[in-house]
């Protein structure tokens, strides 16, 4: 029930420190004596199980060749064709559509209340990422915390947990 309450507080924009609350709650009382998930025991084996479980879960959607099509289009861009850019107006438009109190890491309020110069820097950064086909590794990293869905069900069943991802 706390997991549902935490999810509701996130949806209702009640919690400004959602990621911190997830770390505090993270079903510690319910899982304090759980030393096995499925057939795995020990800290390292359980961590490997979570990694494999969530990797399978989050990579289960096929891309239907979209990745290959993007790479082909990106590699065939001629130098005489205009480069793709992310304008300051694109950044301002995206930021204006964001909700406050929904982010678990870097709070969206930091961008909503930012000075216009930040949007120029973000525009230059994302345009460079698109032009060069590069994104820093940290942009694809997150800390995944397993959170119990139903404390009345089996706490050793990996399917009884939901993943909460917090950007590093």
C-alpha atoms as a PDB file:
ATOM      1  CA  UNK A   1       0.000   0.000   0.000  1.00  0.00           C
ATOM      2  CA  UNK A   2       2.911   2.357   0.661  1.00  0.00           C
ATOM      3  CA  UNK A   3       4.114   1.703  -2.875  1.00  0.00           C
ATOM      4  CA  UNK A   4       0.699   2.706  -4.216  1.00  0.00           C
ATOM      5  CA  UNK A   5       0.683   5.740  -1.934  1.00  0.00           C
ATOM      6  CA  UNK A   6       4.142   6.718  -3.128  1.00  0.00           C
ATOM      7  CA  UNK A   7       3.079   6.343  -6.759  1.00  0.00           C
ATOM      8  CA  UNK A   8      -0.049   8.413  -6.066  1.00  0.00           C
ATOM      9  CA  UNK A   9       1.992  11.144  -4.360  1.00  0.00           C
ATOM     10  CA  UNK A  10       4.211  11.248  -7.425  1.00  0.00           C
ATOM     11  CA  UNK A  11       1.204  11.529  -9.740  1.00  0.00           C
ATOM     12  CA  UNK A  12      -0.446  14.132  -7.501  1.00  0.00           C
ATOM     13  CA  UNK A  13       2.743  16.231  -7.388  1.00  0.00           C
ATOM     14  CA  UNK A  14       2.820  16.009  -3.577  1.00  0.00           C
ATOM     15  CA  UNK A  15       6.397  14.817  -3.230  1.00  0.00           C
ATOM     16  CA  UNK A  16       9.183  17.139  -4.304  1.00  0.00           C
ATOM     17  CA  UNK A  17      11.802  14.657  -3.183  1.00  0.00           C
ATOM     18  CA  UNK A  18      10.320  11.592  -4.828  1.00  0.00           C
ATOM     19  CA  UNK A  19      13.647   9.863  -5.471  1.00  0.00           C
ATOM     20  CA  UNK A  20      14.685  10.363  -1.844  1.00  0.00           C
ATOM     21  CA  UNK A  21      11.366   8.979  -0.669  1.00  0.00           C
ATOM     22  CA  UNK A  22      11.766   5.951  -2.903  1.00  0.00           C
ATOM     23  CA  UNK A  23      15.165   5.313  -1.371  1.00  0.00           C
ATOM     24  CA  UNK A  24      13.734   5.694   2.148  1.00  0.00           C
ATOM     25  CA  UNK A  25      10.684   3.560   1.585  1.00  0.00           C
ATOM     26  CA  UNK A  26      11.964   1.043  -0.968  1.00  0.00           C
ATOM     27  CA  UNK A  27      10.085  -1.619   0.971  1.00  0.00           C
ATOM     28  CA  UNK A  28      12.835  -1.929   3.573  1.00  0.00           C
ATOM     29  CA  UNK A  29      10.510  -3.216   6.293  1.00  0.00           C
ATOM     30  CA  UNK A  30       8.852  -5.716   3.994  1.00  0.00           C
ATOM     31  CA  UNK A  31      12.077  -6.876   2.402  1.00  0.00           C
ATOM     32  CA  UNK A  32      14.409  -6.608   5.412  1.00  0.00           C
ATOM     33  CA  UNK A  33      14.463 -10.367   5.886  1.00  0.00           C
ATOM     34  CA  UNK A  34      14.234 -11.346   2.224  1.00  0.00           C
ATOM     35  CA  UNK A  35      17.506 -13.039   1.361  1.00  0.00           C
ATOM     36  CA  UNK A  36      16.349 -14.721  -1.815  1.00  0.00           C
ATOM     37  CA  UNK A  37      14.678 -13.647  -5.058  1.00  0.00           C
ATOM     38  CA  UNK A  38      13.548 -16.609  -7.103  1.00  0.00           C
ATOM     39  CA  UNK A  39      16.337 -19.174  -6.811  1.00  0.00           C
ATOM     40  CA  UNK A  40      19.049 -16.552  -6.200  1.00  0.00           C
ATOM     41  CA  UNK A  41      20.719 -15.859  -2.873  1.00  0.00           C
ATOM     42  CA  UNK A  42      23.454 -13.442  -1.874  1.00  0.00           C
ATOM     43  CA  UNK A  43      23.802  -9.782  -2.661  1.00  0.00           C
ATOM     44  CA  UNK A  44      25.712 -10.155  -5.952  1.00  0.00           C
ATOM     45  CA  UNK A  45      23.504 -12.910  -7.326  1.00  0.00           C
ATOM     46  CA  UNK A  46      20.325 -10.970  -6.435  1.00  0.00           C
ATOM     47  CA  UNK A  47      21.723  -7.794  -8.056  1.00  0.00           C
ATOM     48  CA  UNK A  48      22.502  -9.779 -11.211  1.00  0.00           C
ATOM     49  CA  UNK A  49      18.947 -11.165 -11.148  1.00  0.00           C
ATOM     50  CA  UNK A  50      17.460  -7.664 -10.925  1.00  0.00           C
ATOM     51  CA  UNK A  51      19.733  -6.430 -13.713  1.00  0.00           C
ATOM     52  CA  UNK A  52      18.696  -9.271 -16.017  1.00  0.00           C
ATOM     53  CA  UNK A  53      15.000  -9.037 -15.040  1.00  0.00           C
ATOM     54  CA  UNK A  54      14.685  -5.306 -15.708  1.00  0.00           C
ATOM     55  CA  UNK A  55      16.963  -5.417 -18.770  1.00  0.00           C
ATOM     56  CA  UNK A  56      14.659  -8.002 -20.308  1.00  0.00           C
ATOM     57  CA  UNK A  57      11.577  -6.035 -19.272  1.00  0.00           C
ATOM     58  CA  UNK A  58      12.741  -2.672 -20.607  1.00  0.00           C
ATOM     59  CA  UNK A  59      14.227  -4.053 -23.826  1.00  0.00           C
ATOM     60  CA  UNK A  60      11.182  -6.134 -24.690  1.00  0.00           C
ATOM     61  CA  UNK A  61       9.682  -3.635 -27.156  1.00  0.00           C
ATOM     62  CA  UNK A  62      10.913  -4.219 -30.730  1.00  0.00           C
ATOM     63  CA  UNK A  63      12.070  -1.191 -32.689  1.00  0.00           C
ATOM     64  CA  UNK A  64      10.874  -2.611 -36.039  1.00  0.00           C
ATOM     65  CA  UNK A  65      14.043  -1.437 -37.781  1.00  0.00           C
ATOM     66  CA  UNK A  66      13.717   2.187 -36.642  1.00  0.00           C
ATOM     67  CA  UNK A  67      17.237   2.208 -35.191  1.00  0.00           C
ATOM     68  CA  UNK A  68      18.760   0.955 -38.448  1.00  0.00           C
ATOM     69  CA  UNK A  69      16.689   3.443 -40.480  1.00  0.00           C
ATOM     70  CA  UNK A  70      17.860   6.309 -38.264  1.00  0.00           C
ATOM     71  CA  UNK A  71      21.511   5.229 -38.536  1.00  0.00           C
ATOM     72  CA  UNK A  72      21.211   4.940 -42.333  1.00  0.00           C
ATOM     73  CA  UNK A  73      19.630   8.385 -42.622  1.00  0.00           C
ATOM     74  CA  UNK A  74      22.201   9.878 -40.262  1.00  0.00           C
ATOM     75  CA  UNK A  75      25.150   8.365 -42.132  1.00  0.00           C
ATOM     76  CA  UNK A  76      23.870   9.434 -45.564  1.00  0.00           C
ATOM     77  CA  UNK A  77      23.497  13.142 -44.703  1.00  0.00           C
ATOM     78  CA  UNK A  78      25.487  15.096 -47.277  1.00  0.00           C
ATOM     79  CA  UNK A  79      27.653  18.027 -46.258  1.00  0.00           C
ATOM     80  CA  UNK A  80      25.765  20.356 -48.607  1.00  0.00           C
ATOM     81  CA  UNK A  81      22.462  19.594 -46.875  1.00  0.00           C
ATOM     82  CA  UNK A  82      21.469  21.665 -43.852  1.00  0.00           C
ATOM     83  CA  UNK A  83      22.258  20.102 -40.492  1.00  0.00           C
ATOM     84  CA  UNK A  84      19.547  19.342 -37.981  1.00  0.00           C
ATOM     85  CA  UNK A  85      19.487  21.822 -35.132  1.00  0.00           C
ATOM     86  CA  UNK A  86      17.626  22.167 -31.881  1.00  0.00           C
ATOM     87  CA  UNK A  87      16.669  25.813 -31.620  1.00  0.00           C
ATOM     88  CA  UNK A  88      16.315  27.926 -28.507  1.00  0.00           C
ATOM     89  CA  UNK A  89      12.595  28.063 -29.302  1.00  0.00           C
ATOM     90  CA  UNK A  90      12.454  24.253 -29.390  1.00  0.00           C
ATOM     91  CA  UNK A  91      13.978  24.161 -25.906  1.00  0.00           C
ATOM     92  CA  UNK A  92      11.655  26.889 -24.606  1.00  0.00           C
ATOM     93  CA  UNK A  93       8.633  25.085 -26.086  1.00  0.00           C
ATOM     94  CA  UNK A  94       9.535  21.756 -24.483  1.00  0.00           C
ATOM     95  CA  UNK A  95      10.298  23.337 -21.097  1.00  0.00           C
ATOM     96  CA  UNK A  96       7.022  25.292 -21.104  1.00  0.00           C
ATOM     97  CA  UNK A  97       5.088  22.012 -21.473  1.00  0.00           C
ATOM     98  CA  UNK A  98       6.701  20.350 -18.442  1.00  0.00           C
ATOM     99  CA  UNK A  99       5.016  19.895 -15.072  1.00  0.00           C
ATOM    100  CA  UNK A 100       6.508  20.970 -11.777  1.00  0.00           C
ATOM    101  CA  UNK A 101       7.140  18.442  -9.034  1.00  0.00           C
ATOM    102  CA  UNK A 102       7.261  15.394 -11.325  1.00  0.00           C
ATOM    103  CA  UNK A 103      11.016  14.890 -11.663  1.00  0.00           C
ATOM    104  CA  UNK A 104      12.936  12.573  -9.378  1.00  0.00           C
ATOM    105  CA  UNK A 105      16.423  13.805 -10.234  1.00  0.00           C
ATOM    106  CA  UNK A 106      17.200  17.257 -11.566  1.00  0.00           C
ATOM    107  CA  UNK A 107      13.989  19.125 -10.867  1.00  0.00           C
ATOM    108  CA  UNK A 108      12.135  20.566 -13.849  1.00  0.00           C
ATOM    109  CA  UNK A 109      11.708  23.784 -11.861  1.00  0.00           C
ATOM    110  CA  UNK A 110      15.434  24.370 -12.456  1.00  0.00           C
ATOM    111  CA  UNK A 111      14.682  24.671 -16.161  1.00  0.00           C
ATOM    112  CA  UNK A 112      11.290  26.378 -15.902  1.00  0.00           C
ATOM    113  CA  UNK A 113      12.746  29.194 -13.779  1.00  0.00           C
ATOM    114  CA  UNK A 114      16.094  29.349 -15.601  1.00  0.00           C
ATOM    115  CA  UNK A 115      17.477  32.421 -17.311  1.00  0.00           C
ATOM    116  CA  UNK A 116      17.209  32.542 -21.121  1.00  0.00           C
ATOM    117  CA  UNK A 117      20.972  32.059 -21.490  1.00  0.00           C
ATOM    118  CA  UNK A 118      20.577  28.463 -20.259  1.00  0.00           C
ATOM    119  CA  UNK A 119      18.274  27.735 -23.206  1.00  0.00           C
ATOM    120  CA  UNK A 120      20.981  28.978 -25.606  1.00  0.00           C
ATOM    121  CA  UNK A 121      23.508  26.593 -24.033  1.00  0.00           C
ATOM    122  CA  UNK A 122      21.033  23.705 -24.113  1.00  0.00           C
ATOM    123  CA  UNK A 123      20.262  24.445 -27.762  1.00  0.00           C
ATOM    124  CA  UNK A 124      23.965  24.377 -28.638  1.00  0.00           C
ATOM    125  CA  UNK A 125      24.493  21.191 -26.618  1.00  0.00           C
ATOM    126  CA  UNK A 126      21.603  19.203 -28.123  1.00  0.00           C
ATOM    127  CA  UNK A 127      22.351  20.471 -31.646  1.00  0.00           C
ATOM    128  CA  UNK A 128      25.927  19.239 -31.210  1.00  0.00           C
ATOM    129  CA  UNK A 129      24.653  15.873 -29.965  1.00  0.00           C
ATOM    130  CA  UNK A 130      22.445  15.495 -33.046  1.00  0.00           C
ATOM    131  CA  UNK A 131      25.126  16.740 -35.466  1.00  0.00           C
ATOM    132  CA  UNK A 132      27.842  14.463 -34.108  1.00  0.00           C
ATOM    133  CA  UNK A 133      25.631  11.506 -33.208  1.00  0.00           C
ATOM    134  CA  UNK A 134      26.942  11.459 -29.651  1.00  0.00           C
ATOM    135  CA  UNK A 135      25.245  11.501 -26.269  1.00  0.00           C
ATOM    136  CA  UNK A 136      27.166  11.378 -22.979  1.00  0.00           C
ATOM    137  CA  UNK A 137      26.961   7.992 -21.248  1.00  0.00           C
ATOM    138  CA  UNK A 138      25.447   9.574 -18.126  1.00  0.00           C
ATOM    139  CA  UNK A 139      22.344  10.433 -20.174  1.00  0.00           C
ATOM    140  CA  UNK A 140      21.563   6.741 -20.510  1.00  0.00           C
ATOM    141  CA  UNK A 141      22.263   5.756 -16.895  1.00  0.00           C
ATOM    142  CA  UNK A 142      19.767   5.433 -14.071  1.00  0.00           C
ATOM    143  CA  UNK A 143      19.581   3.846 -10.650  1.00  0.00           C
ATOM    144  CA  UNK A 144      16.796   1.284 -10.632  1.00  0.00           C
ATOM    145  CA  UNK A 145      15.219   0.523  -7.267  1.00  0.00           C
ATOM    146  CA  UNK A 146      12.902  -2.497  -7.034  1.00  0.00           C
ATOM    147  CA  UNK A 147       9.747  -1.593  -5.104  1.00  0.00           C
ATOM    148  CA  UNK A 148       7.300  -4.211  -3.802  1.00  0.00           C
ATOM    149  CA  UNK A 149       3.916  -4.115  -5.551  1.00  0.00           C
ATOM    150  CA  UNK A 150       2.002  -6.185  -3.006  1.00  0.00           C
ATOM    151  CA  UNK A 151       3.557  -6.991   0.376  1.00  0.00           C
ATOM    152  CA  UNK A 152       0.981  -9.730   0.885  1.00  0.00           C
ATOM    153  CA  UNK A 153       2.259 -11.679  -2.115  1.00  0.00           C
ATOM    154  CA  UNK A 154       5.522 -13.572  -2.330  1.00  0.00           C
ATOM    155  CA  UNK A 155       8.410 -11.258  -1.606  1.00  0.00           C
ATOM    156  CA  UNK A 156      10.798 -13.645  -3.330  1.00  0.00           C
ATOM    157  CA  UNK A 157       8.945 -13.384  -6.657  1.00  0.00           C
ATOM    158  CA  UNK A 158      10.697 -10.919  -8.996  1.00  0.00           C
ATOM    159  CA  UNK A 159       7.362 -10.217 -10.730  1.00  0.00           C
ATOM    160  CA  UNK A 160       6.007  -8.782  -7.448  1.00  0.00           C
ATOM    161  CA  UNK A 161       8.298  -5.757  -7.820  1.00  0.00           C
ATOM    162  CA  UNK A 162       8.080  -2.637  -9.969  1.00  0.00           C
ATOM    163  CA  UNK A 163      11.109  -0.642 -11.012  1.00  0.00           C
ATOM    164  CA  UNK A 164      11.545   2.994 -10.114  1.00  0.00           C
ATOM    165  CA  UNK A 165      14.290   4.626 -12.194  1.00  0.00           C
ATOM    166  CA  UNK A 166      16.088   7.730 -10.943  1.00  0.00           C
ATOM    167  CA  UNK A 167      18.514   9.500 -13.262  1.00  0.00           C
ATOM    168  CA  UNK A 168      22.055   9.709 -11.926  1.00  0.00           C
END
